[in-house]
């Protein structure tokens, strides 16, 4: 609830079972490549999440797509906030 539109942050740790040639056995490893293949794929996952919540009765809005808006790097944001506090 830190912005005008409520949203949630989700942390996903995808464990993928892979064969490790070095030790000659299968083991679990952490990788996002198998779960989030591209930014387009991530957007589709977000669409699915939105649709499922709407179907369950939650009255939420989907964020705007393809706005081109980028987040500021943390250092630049801190400088901006310091400047705004002086005003």
PDB file of N, CA and C in Angstrom:
ATOM      1  N   UNK A   1       0.822  -1.196   0.000  1.00  0.00           N
ATOM      2  CA  UNK A   1       0.000   0.000   0.000  1.00  0.00           C
ATOM      3  C   UNK A   1       0.868   1.263   0.000  1.00  0.00           C
ATOM      4  N   UNK A   2       2.050   1.168  -0.602  1.00  0.00           N
ATOM      5  CA  UNK A   2       2.936   2.326  -0.627  1.00  0.00           C
ATOM      6  C   UNK A   2       2.702   3.225  -1.840  1.00  0.00           C
ATOM      7  N   UNK A   3       1.740   2.879  -2.683  1.00  0.00           N
ATOM      8  CA  UNK A   3       1.427   3.680  -3.861  1.00  0.00           C
ATOM      9  C   UNK A   3      -0.088   3.831  -3.936  1.00  0.00           C
ATOM     10  N   UNK A   4      -0.569   4.561  -4.923  1.00  0.00           N
ATOM     11  CA  UNK A   4      -2.007   4.775  -5.036  1.00  0.00           C
ATOM     12  C   UNK A   4      -2.739   3.486  -5.397  1.00  0.00           C
ATOM     13  N   UNK A   5      -2.088   2.582  -6.109  1.00  0.00           N
ATOM     14  CA  UNK A   5      -2.693   1.310  -6.477  1.00  0.00           C
ATOM     15  C   UNK A   5      -2.089   0.210  -5.617  1.00  0.00           C
ATOM     16  N   UNK A   6      -2.892  -0.495  -4.829  1.00  0.00           N
ATOM     17  CA  UNK A   6      -2.346  -1.596  -4.030  1.00  0.00           C
ATOM     18  C   UNK A   6      -1.728  -2.663  -4.939  1.00  0.00           C
ATOM     19  N   UNK A   7      -0.629  -3.218  -4.523  1.00  0.00           N
ATOM     20  CA  UNK A   7       0.022  -4.274  -5.279  1.00  0.00           C
ATOM     21  C   UNK A   7       0.787  -5.156  -4.312  1.00  0.00           C
ATOM     22  N   UNK A   8       1.223  -6.289  -4.790  1.00  0.00           N
ATOM     23  CA  UNK A   8       2.002  -7.184  -3.955  1.00  0.00           C
ATOM     24  C   UNK A   8       3.327  -7.505  -4.632  1.00  0.00           C
ATOM     25  N   UNK A   9       4.276  -7.840  -3.813  1.00  0.00           N
ATOM     26  CA  UNK A   9       5.570  -8.294  -4.305  1.00  0.00           C
ATOM     27  C   UNK A   9       5.638  -9.792  -4.019  1.00  0.00           C
ATOM     28  N   UNK A  10       6.026 -10.581  -4.987  1.00  0.00           N
ATOM     29  CA  UNK A  10       6.117 -12.022  -4.809  1.00  0.00           C
ATOM     30  C   UNK A  10       7.555 -12.451  -5.053  1.00  0.00           C
ATOM     31  N   UNK A  11       8.065 -13.257  -4.160  1.00  0.00           N
ATOM     32  CA  UNK A  11       9.396 -13.824  -4.335  1.00  0.00           C
ATOM     33  C   UNK A  11       9.217 -15.295  -4.685  1.00  0.00           C
ATOM     34  N   UNK A  12       9.718 -15.667  -5.836  1.00  0.00           N
ATOM     35  CA  UNK A  12       9.622 -17.046  -6.302  1.00  0.00           C
ATOM     36  C   UNK A  12      11.031 -17.597  -6.422  1.00  0.00           C
ATOM     37  N   UNK A  13      11.249 -18.752  -5.842  1.00  0.00           N
ATOM     38  CA  UNK A  13      12.549 -19.409  -5.957  1.00  0.00           C
ATOM     39  C   UNK A  13      12.320 -20.710  -6.729  1.00  0.00           C
ATOM     40  N   UNK A  14      12.530 -20.651  -8.040  1.00  0.00           N
ATOM     41  CA  UNK A  14      12.280 -21.842  -8.848  1.00  0.00           C
ATOM     42  C   UNK A  14      13.416 -22.860  -8.723  1.00  0.00           C
ATOM     43  N   UNK A  15      13.082 -24.034  -8.202  1.00  0.00           N
ATOM     44  CA  UNK A  15      14.040 -25.128  -8.107  1.00  0.00           C
ATOM     45  C   UNK A  15      13.814 -26.058  -9.287  1.00  0.00           C
ATOM     46  N   UNK A  16      14.846 -26.267 -10.062  1.00  0.00           N
ATOM     47  CA  UNK A  16      14.770 -27.107 -11.245  1.00  0.00           C
ATOM     48  C   UNK A  16      15.700 -28.302 -11.049  1.00  0.00           C
ATOM     49  N   UNK A  17      15.190 -29.488 -11.329  1.00  0.00           N
ATOM     50  CA  UNK A  17      16.019 -30.688 -11.222  1.00  0.00           C
ATOM     51  C   UNK A  17      16.801 -30.851 -12.520  1.00  0.00           C
ATOM     52  N   UNK A  18      18.134 -30.863 -12.402  1.00  0.00           N
ATOM     53  CA  UNK A  18      19.004 -30.986 -13.578  1.00  0.00           C
ATOM     54  C   UNK A  18      20.069 -32.030 -13.328  1.00  0.00           C
ATOM     55  N   UNK A  19      20.578 -32.579 -14.411  1.00  0.00           N
ATOM     56  CA  UNK A  19      21.666 -33.548 -14.308  1.00  0.00           C
ATOM     57  C   UNK A  19      22.989 -32.797 -14.274  1.00  0.00           C
ATOM     58  N   UNK A  20      23.779 -33.041 -13.249  1.00  0.00           N
ATOM     59  CA  UNK A  20      25.082 -32.393 -13.095  1.00  0.00           C
ATOM     60  C   UNK A  20      26.165 -33.370 -13.559  1.00  0.00           C
ATOM     61  N   UNK A  21      26.809 -33.037 -14.668  1.00  0.00           N
ATOM     62  CA  UNK A  21      27.834 -33.912 -15.250  1.00  0.00           C
ATOM     63  C   UNK A  21      29.050 -34.059 -14.348  1.00  0.00           C
ATOM     64  N   UNK A  22      29.340 -33.027 -13.553  1.00  0.00           N
ATOM     65  CA  UNK A  22      30.531 -33.065 -12.693  1.00  0.00           C
ATOM     66  C   UNK A  22      30.433 -34.158 -11.638  1.00  0.00           C
ATOM     67  N   UNK A  23      29.247 -34.328 -11.063  1.00  0.00           N
ATOM     68  CA  UNK A  23      29.071 -35.336 -10.016  1.00  0.00           C
ATOM     69  C   UNK A  23      28.275 -36.539 -10.504  1.00  0.00           C
ATOM     70  N   UNK A  24      27.875 -36.508 -11.756  1.00  0.00           N
ATOM     71  CA  UNK A  24      27.191 -37.612 -12.419  1.00  0.00           C
ATOM     72  C   UNK A  24      25.878 -38.014 -11.719  1.00  0.00           C
ATOM     73  N   UNK A  25      25.095 -37.005 -11.327  1.00  0.00           N
ATOM     74  CA  UNK A  25      23.794 -37.272 -10.717  1.00  0.00           C
ATOM     75  C   UNK A  25      22.891 -36.056 -10.882  1.00  0.00           C
ATOM     76  N   UNK A  26      21.596 -36.289 -10.651  1.00  0.00           N
ATOM     77  CA  UNK A  26      20.642 -35.191 -10.711  1.00  0.00           C
ATOM     78  C   UNK A  26      20.678 -34.412  -9.407  1.00  0.00           C
ATOM     79  N   UNK A  27      20.509 -33.102  -9.517  1.00  0.00           N
ATOM     80  CA  UNK A  27      20.425 -32.263  -8.327  1.00  0.00           C
ATOM     81  C   UNK A  27      19.536 -31.078  -8.634  1.00  0.00           C
ATOM     82  N   UNK A  28      19.077 -30.423  -7.574  1.00  0.00           N
ATOM     83  CA  UNK A  28      18.238 -29.237  -7.733  1.00  0.00           C
ATOM     84  C   UNK A  28      19.119 -28.001  -7.812  1.00  0.00           C
ATOM     85  N   UNK A  29      18.752 -27.088  -8.690  1.00  0.00           N
ATOM     86  CA  UNK A  29      19.460 -25.814  -8.775  1.00  0.00           C
ATOM     87  C   UNK A  29      18.421 -24.697  -8.897  1.00  0.00           C
ATOM     88  N   UNK A  30      18.851 -23.513  -8.522  1.00  0.00           N
ATOM     89  CA  UNK A  30      17.976 -22.343  -8.592  1.00  0.00           C
ATOM     90  C   UNK A  30      18.229 -21.644  -9.917  1.00  0.00           C
ATOM     91  N   UNK A  31      17.166 -21.456 -10.694  1.00  0.00           N
ATOM     92  CA  UNK A  31      17.304 -20.778 -11.978  1.00  0.00           C
ATOM     93  C   UNK A  31      15.986 -20.138 -12.373  1.00  0.00           C
ATOM     94  N   UNK A  32      16.041 -18.921 -12.853  1.00  0.00           N
ATOM     95  CA  UNK A  32      14.826 -18.264 -13.329  1.00  0.00           C
ATOM     96  C   UNK A  32      14.578 -18.562 -14.805  1.00  0.00           C
ATOM     97  N   UNK A  33      15.614 -19.033 -15.503  1.00  0.00           N
ATOM     98  CA  UNK A  33      15.489 -19.262 -16.943  1.00  0.00           C
ATOM     99  C   UNK A  33      14.366 -20.232 -17.299  1.00  0.00           C
ATOM    100  N   UNK A  34      14.123 -21.209 -16.450  1.00  0.00           N
ATOM    101  CA  UNK A  34      13.077 -22.188 -16.719  1.00  0.00           C
ATOM    102  C   UNK A  34      11.688 -21.650 -16.365  1.00  0.00           C
ATOM    103  N   UNK A  35      11.639 -20.630 -15.514  1.00  0.00           N
ATOM    104  CA  UNK A  35      10.354 -20.120 -15.041  1.00  0.00           C
ATOM    105  C   UNK A  35       9.939 -18.839 -15.754  1.00  0.00           C
ATOM    106  N   UNK A  36      10.863 -17.898 -15.888  1.00  0.00           N
ATOM    107  CA  UNK A  36      10.597 -16.637 -16.577  1.00  0.00           C
ATOM    108  C   UNK A  36      11.552 -16.561 -17.764  1.00  0.00           C
ATOM    109  N   UNK A  37      11.036 -16.815 -18.929  1.00  0.00           N
ATOM    110  CA  UNK A  37      11.880 -16.927 -20.113  1.00  0.00           C
ATOM    111  C   UNK A  37      12.237 -15.575 -20.742  1.00  0.00           C
ATOM    112  N   UNK A  38      11.349 -14.587 -20.589  1.00  0.00           N
ATOM    113  CA  UNK A  38      11.574 -13.267 -21.171  1.00  0.00           C
ATOM    114  C   UNK A  38      10.632 -12.267 -20.511  1.00  0.00           C
ATOM    115  N   UNK A  39      10.794 -11.005 -20.847  1.00  0.00           N
ATOM    116  CA  UNK A  39       9.889  -9.994 -20.286  1.00  0.00           C
ATOM    117  C   UNK A  39       8.462 -10.190 -20.815  1.00  0.00           C
ATOM    118  N   UNK A  40       8.336 -10.695 -22.041  1.00  0.00           N
ATOM    119  CA  UNK A  40       7.012 -10.979 -22.598  1.00  0.00           C
ATOM    120  C   UNK A  40       6.348 -12.107 -21.814  1.00  0.00           C
ATOM    121  N   UNK A  41       7.135 -13.126 -21.503  1.00  0.00           N
ATOM    122  CA  UNK A  41       6.622 -14.253 -20.725  1.00  0.00           C
ATOM    123  C   UNK A  41       6.210 -13.789 -19.330  1.00  0.00           C
ATOM    124  N   UNK A  42       7.010 -12.927 -18.703  1.00  0.00           N
ATOM    125  CA  UNK A  42       6.677 -12.390 -17.382  1.00  0.00           C
ATOM    126  C   UNK A  42       5.355 -11.628 -17.436  1.00  0.00           C
ATOM    127  N   UNK A  43       5.151 -10.846 -18.486  1.00  0.00           N
ATOM    128  CA  UNK A  43       3.901 -10.105 -18.645  1.00  0.00           C
ATOM    129  C   UNK A  43       2.713 -11.065 -18.750  1.00  0.00           C
ATOM    130  N   UNK A  44       2.894 -12.173 -19.461  1.00  0.00           N
ATOM    131  CA  UNK A  44       1.818 -13.165 -19.580  1.00  0.00           C
ATOM    132  C   UNK A  44       1.513 -13.810 -18.227  1.00  0.00           C
ATOM    133  N   UNK A  45       2.563 -14.076 -17.431  1.00  0.00           N
ATOM    134  CA  UNK A  45       2.348 -14.616 -16.090  1.00  0.00           C
ATOM    135  C   UNK A  45       1.555 -13.635 -15.239  1.00  0.00           C
ATOM    136  N   UNK A  46       1.877 -12.348 -15.359  1.00  0.00           N
ATOM    137  CA  UNK A  46       1.157 -11.322 -14.612  1.00  0.00           C
ATOM    138  C   UNK A  46      -0.296 -11.240 -15.063  1.00  0.00           C
ATOM    139  N   UNK A  47      -0.538 -11.407 -16.374  1.00  0.00           N
ATOM    140  CA  UNK A  47      -1.911 -11.418 -16.892  1.00  0.00           C
ATOM    141  C   UNK A  47      -2.703 -12.584 -16.308  1.00  0.00           C
ATOM    142  N   UNK A  48      -2.076 -13.765 -16.264  1.00  0.00           N
ATOM    143  CA  UNK A  48      -2.745 -14.943 -15.705  1.00  0.00           C
ATOM    144  C   UNK A  48      -3.083 -14.728 -14.233  1.00  0.00           C
ATOM    145  N   UNK A  49      -2.133 -14.167 -13.498  1.00  0.00           N
ATOM    146  CA  UNK A  49      -2.337 -13.898 -12.086  1.00  0.00           C
ATOM    147  C   UNK A  49      -3.519 -12.950 -11.897  1.00  0.00           C
ATOM    148  N   UNK A  50      -3.541 -11.902 -12.704  1.00  0.00           N
ATOM    149  CA  UNK A  50      -4.637 -10.923 -12.660  1.00  0.00           C
ATOM    150  C   UNK A  50      -5.982 -11.600 -12.939  1.00  0.00           C
ATOM    151  N   UNK A  51      -6.049 -12.390 -14.001  1.00  0.00           N
ATOM    152  CA  UNK A  51      -7.301 -13.055 -14.380  1.00  0.00           C
ATOM    153  C   UNK A  51      -7.778 -14.006 -13.285  1.00  0.00           C
ATOM    154  N   UNK A  52      -6.870 -14.744 -12.692  1.00  0.00           N
ATOM    155  CA  UNK A  52      -7.260 -15.689 -11.642  1.00  0.00           C
ATOM    156  C   UNK A  52      -7.804 -14.966 -10.418  1.00  0.00           C
ATOM    157  N   UNK A  53      -7.170 -13.856 -10.055  1.00  0.00           N
ATOM    158  CA  UNK A  53      -7.678 -13.093  -8.915  1.00  0.00           C
ATOM    159  C   UNK A  53      -9.051 -12.496  -9.214  1.00  0.00           C
ATOM    160  N   UNK A  54      -9.226 -11.973 -10.430  1.00  0.00           N
ATOM    161  CA  UNK A  54     -10.531 -11.406 -10.820  1.00  0.00           C
ATOM    162  C   UNK A  54     -11.600 -12.495 -10.790  1.00  0.00           C
ATOM    163  N   UNK A  55     -11.253 -13.678 -11.279  1.00  0.00           N
ATOM    164  CA  UNK A  55     -12.212 -14.794 -11.289  1.00  0.00           C
ATOM    165  C   UNK A  55     -12.586 -15.253  -9.882  1.00  0.00           C
ATOM    166  N   UNK A  56     -11.710 -14.994  -8.919  1.00  0.00           N
ATOM    167  CA  UNK A  56     -11.982 -15.357  -7.519  1.00  0.00           C
ATOM    168  C   UNK A  56     -12.722 -14.247  -6.772  1.00  0.00           C
ATOM    169  N   UNK A  57     -13.040 -13.153  -7.475  1.00  0.00           N
ATOM    170  CA  UNK A  57     -13.836 -12.102  -6.867  1.00  0.00           C
ATOM    171  C   UNK A  57     -13.058 -10.895  -6.368  1.00  0.00           C
ATOM    172  N   UNK A  58     -11.754 -10.864  -6.557  1.00  0.00           N
ATOM    173  CA  UNK A  58     -10.969  -9.707  -6.135  1.00  0.00           C
ATOM    174  C   UNK A  58     -11.146  -8.585  -7.151  1.00  0.00           C
ATOM    175  N   UNK A  59     -11.441  -7.400  -6.662  1.00  0.00           N
ATOM    176  CA  UNK A  59     -11.623  -6.251  -7.544  1.00  0.00           C
ATOM    177  C   UNK A  59     -10.301  -5.507  -7.665  1.00  0.00           C
ATOM    178  N   UNK A  60      -9.490  -5.940  -8.609  1.00  0.00           N
ATOM    179  CA  UNK A  60      -8.181  -5.330  -8.818  1.00  0.00           C
ATOM    180  C   UNK A  60      -8.084  -4.832 -10.248  1.00  0.00           C
ATOM    181  N   UNK A  61      -7.122  -3.962 -10.487  1.00  0.00           N
ATOM    182  CA  UNK A  61      -6.861  -3.458 -11.832  1.00  0.00           C
ATOM    183  C   UNK A  61      -5.478  -3.927 -12.260  1.00  0.00           C
ATOM    184  N   UNK A  62      -5.343  -4.233 -13.523  1.00  0.00           N
ATOM    185  CA  UNK A  62      -4.046  -4.627 -14.079  1.00  0.00           C
ATOM    186  C   UNK A  62      -3.281  -3.355 -14.403  1.00  0.00           C
ATOM    187  N   UNK A  63      -1.998  -3.328 -14.080  1.00  0.00           N
ATOM    188  CA  UNK A  63      -1.167  -2.177 -14.408  1.00  0.00           C
ATOM    189  C   UNK A  63      -1.073  -1.966 -15.914  1.00  0.00           C
ATOM    190  N   UNK A  64      -0.710  -0.765 -16.296  1.00  0.00           N
ATOM    191  CA  UNK A  64      -0.587  -0.459 -17.716  1.00  0.00           C
ATOM    192  C   UNK A  64       0.594  -1.205 -18.311  1.00  0.00           C
ATOM    193  N   UNK A  65       0.404  -1.703 -19.516  1.00  0.00           N
ATOM    194  CA  UNK A  65       1.467  -2.451 -20.195  1.00  0.00           C
ATOM    195  C   UNK A  65       2.225  -1.539 -21.160  1.00  0.00           C
ATOM    196  N   UNK A  66       3.466  -1.889 -21.376  1.00  0.00           N
ATOM    197  CA  UNK A  66       4.310  -1.252 -22.396  1.00  0.00           C
ATOM    198  C   UNK A  66       4.338   0.274 -22.284  1.00  0.00           C
ATOM    199  N   UNK A  67       4.468   0.792 -21.071  1.00  0.00           N
ATOM    200  CA  UNK A  67       4.519   2.243 -20.893  1.00  0.00           C
ATOM    201  C   UNK A  67       5.912   2.783 -21.184  1.00  0.00           C
ATOM    202  N   UNK A  68       6.909   1.913 -21.114  1.00  0.00           N
ATOM    203  CA  UNK A  68       8.280   2.363 -21.334  1.00  0.00           C
ATOM    204  C   UNK A  68       8.882   3.032 -20.108  1.00  0.00           C
ATOM    205  N   UNK A  69       8.118   3.110 -19.033  1.00  0.00           N
ATOM    206  CA  UNK A  69       8.600   3.739 -17.804  1.00  0.00           C
ATOM    207  C   UNK A  69       9.614   2.820 -17.139  1.00  0.00           C
ATOM    208  N   UNK A  70      10.738   3.392 -16.753  1.00  0.00           N
ATOM    209  CA  UNK A  70      11.801   2.642 -16.084  1.00  0.00           C
ATOM    210  C   UNK A  70      11.983   3.186 -14.669  1.00  0.00           C
ATOM    211  N   UNK A  71      12.346   2.310 -13.758  1.00  0.00           N
ATOM    212  CA  UNK A  71      12.654   2.746 -12.401  1.00  0.00           C
ATOM    213  C   UNK A  71      14.009   3.434 -12.370  1.00  0.00           C
ATOM    214  N   UNK A  72      14.132   4.394 -11.466  1.00  0.00           N
ATOM    215  CA  UNK A  72      15.425   5.068 -11.291  1.00  0.00           C
ATOM    216  C   UNK A  72      16.375   4.142 -10.535  1.00  0.00           C
ATOM    217  N   UNK A  73      17.659   4.204 -10.861  1.00  0.00           N
ATOM    218  CA  UNK A  73      18.634   3.466 -10.050  1.00  0.00           C
ATOM    219  C   UNK A  73      18.590   4.001  -8.615  1.00  0.00           C
ATOM    220  N   UNK A  74      18.836   3.159  -7.604  1.00  0.00           N
ATOM    221  CA  UNK A  74      18.727   3.586  -6.201  1.00  0.00           C
ATOM    222  C   UNK A  74      19.516   4.852  -5.867  1.00  0.00           C
ATOM    223  N   UNK A  75      20.733   4.981  -6.356  1.00  0.00           N
ATOM    224  CA  UNK A  75      21.532   6.172  -6.045  1.00  0.00           C
ATOM    225  C   UNK A  75      20.885   7.434  -6.595  1.00  0.00           C
ATOM    226  N   UNK A  76      20.376   7.360  -7.805  1.00  0.00           N
ATOM    227  CA  UNK A  76      19.734   8.520  -8.425  1.00  0.00           C
ATOM    228  C   UNK A  76      18.441   8.867  -7.678  1.00  0.00           C
ATOM    229  N   UNK A  77      17.700   7.872  -7.244  1.00  0.00           N
ATOM    230  CA  UNK A  77      16.481   8.110  -6.488  1.00  0.00           C
ATOM    231  C   UNK A  77      16.790   8.809  -5.166  1.00  0.00           C
ATOM    232  N   UNK A  78      17.835   8.367  -4.467  1.00  0.00           N
ATOM    233  CA  UNK A  78      18.212   8.989  -3.198  1.00  0.00           C
ATOM    234  C   UNK A  78      18.576  10.459  -3.382  1.00  0.00           C
ATOM    235  N   UNK A  79      19.322  10.763  -4.436  1.00  0.00           N
ATOM    236  CA  UNK A  79      19.692  12.158  -4.715  1.00  0.00           C
ATOM    237  C   UNK A  79      18.441  12.981  -4.967  1.00  0.00           C
ATOM    238  N   UNK A  80      17.524  12.452  -5.744  1.00  0.00           N
ATOM    239  CA  UNK A  80      16.277  13.148  -6.050  1.00  0.00           C
ATOM    240  C   UNK A  80      15.463  13.396  -4.780  1.00  0.00           C
ATOM    241  N   UNK A  81      15.368  12.391  -3.913  1.00  0.00           N
ATOM    242  CA  UNK A  81      14.600  12.548  -2.673  1.00  0.00           C
ATOM    243  C   UNK A  81      15.225  13.597  -1.748  1.00  0.00           C
ATOM    244  N   UNK A  82      16.546  13.628  -1.688  1.00  0.00           N
ATOM    245  CA  UNK A  82      17.223  14.637  -0.871  1.00  0.00           C
ATOM    246  C   UNK A  82      16.916  16.020  -1.406  1.00  0.00           C
ATOM    247  N   UNK A  83      16.952  16.181  -2.719  1.00  0.00           N
ATOM    248  CA  UNK A  83      16.657  17.483  -3.340  1.00  0.00           C
ATOM    249  C   UNK A  83      15.216  17.899  -3.076  1.00  0.00           C
ATOM    250  N   UNK A  84      14.289  16.966  -3.136  1.00  0.00           N
ATOM    251  CA  UNK A  84      12.883  17.276  -2.900  1.00  0.00           C
ATOM    252  C   UNK A  84      12.625  17.680  -1.454  1.00  0.00           C
ATOM    253  N   UNK A  85      13.346  17.094  -0.516  1.00  0.00           N
ATOM    254  CA  UNK A  85      13.185  17.444   0.900  1.00  0.00           C
ATOM    255  C   UNK A  85      13.621  18.880   1.175  1.00  0.00           C
ATOM    256  N   UNK A  86      14.547  19.380   0.380  1.00  0.00           N
ATOM    257  CA  UNK A  86      15.054  20.750   0.567  1.00  0.00           C
ATOM    258  C   UNK A  86      14.063  21.793   0.072  1.00  0.00           C
ATOM    259  N   UNK A  87      13.158  21.375  -0.767  1.00  0.00           N
ATOM    260  CA  UNK A  87      12.199  22.330  -1.368  1.00  0.00           C
ATOM    261  C   UNK A  87      11.115  22.671  -0.369  1.00  0.00           C
TER     262      UNK A  87
END
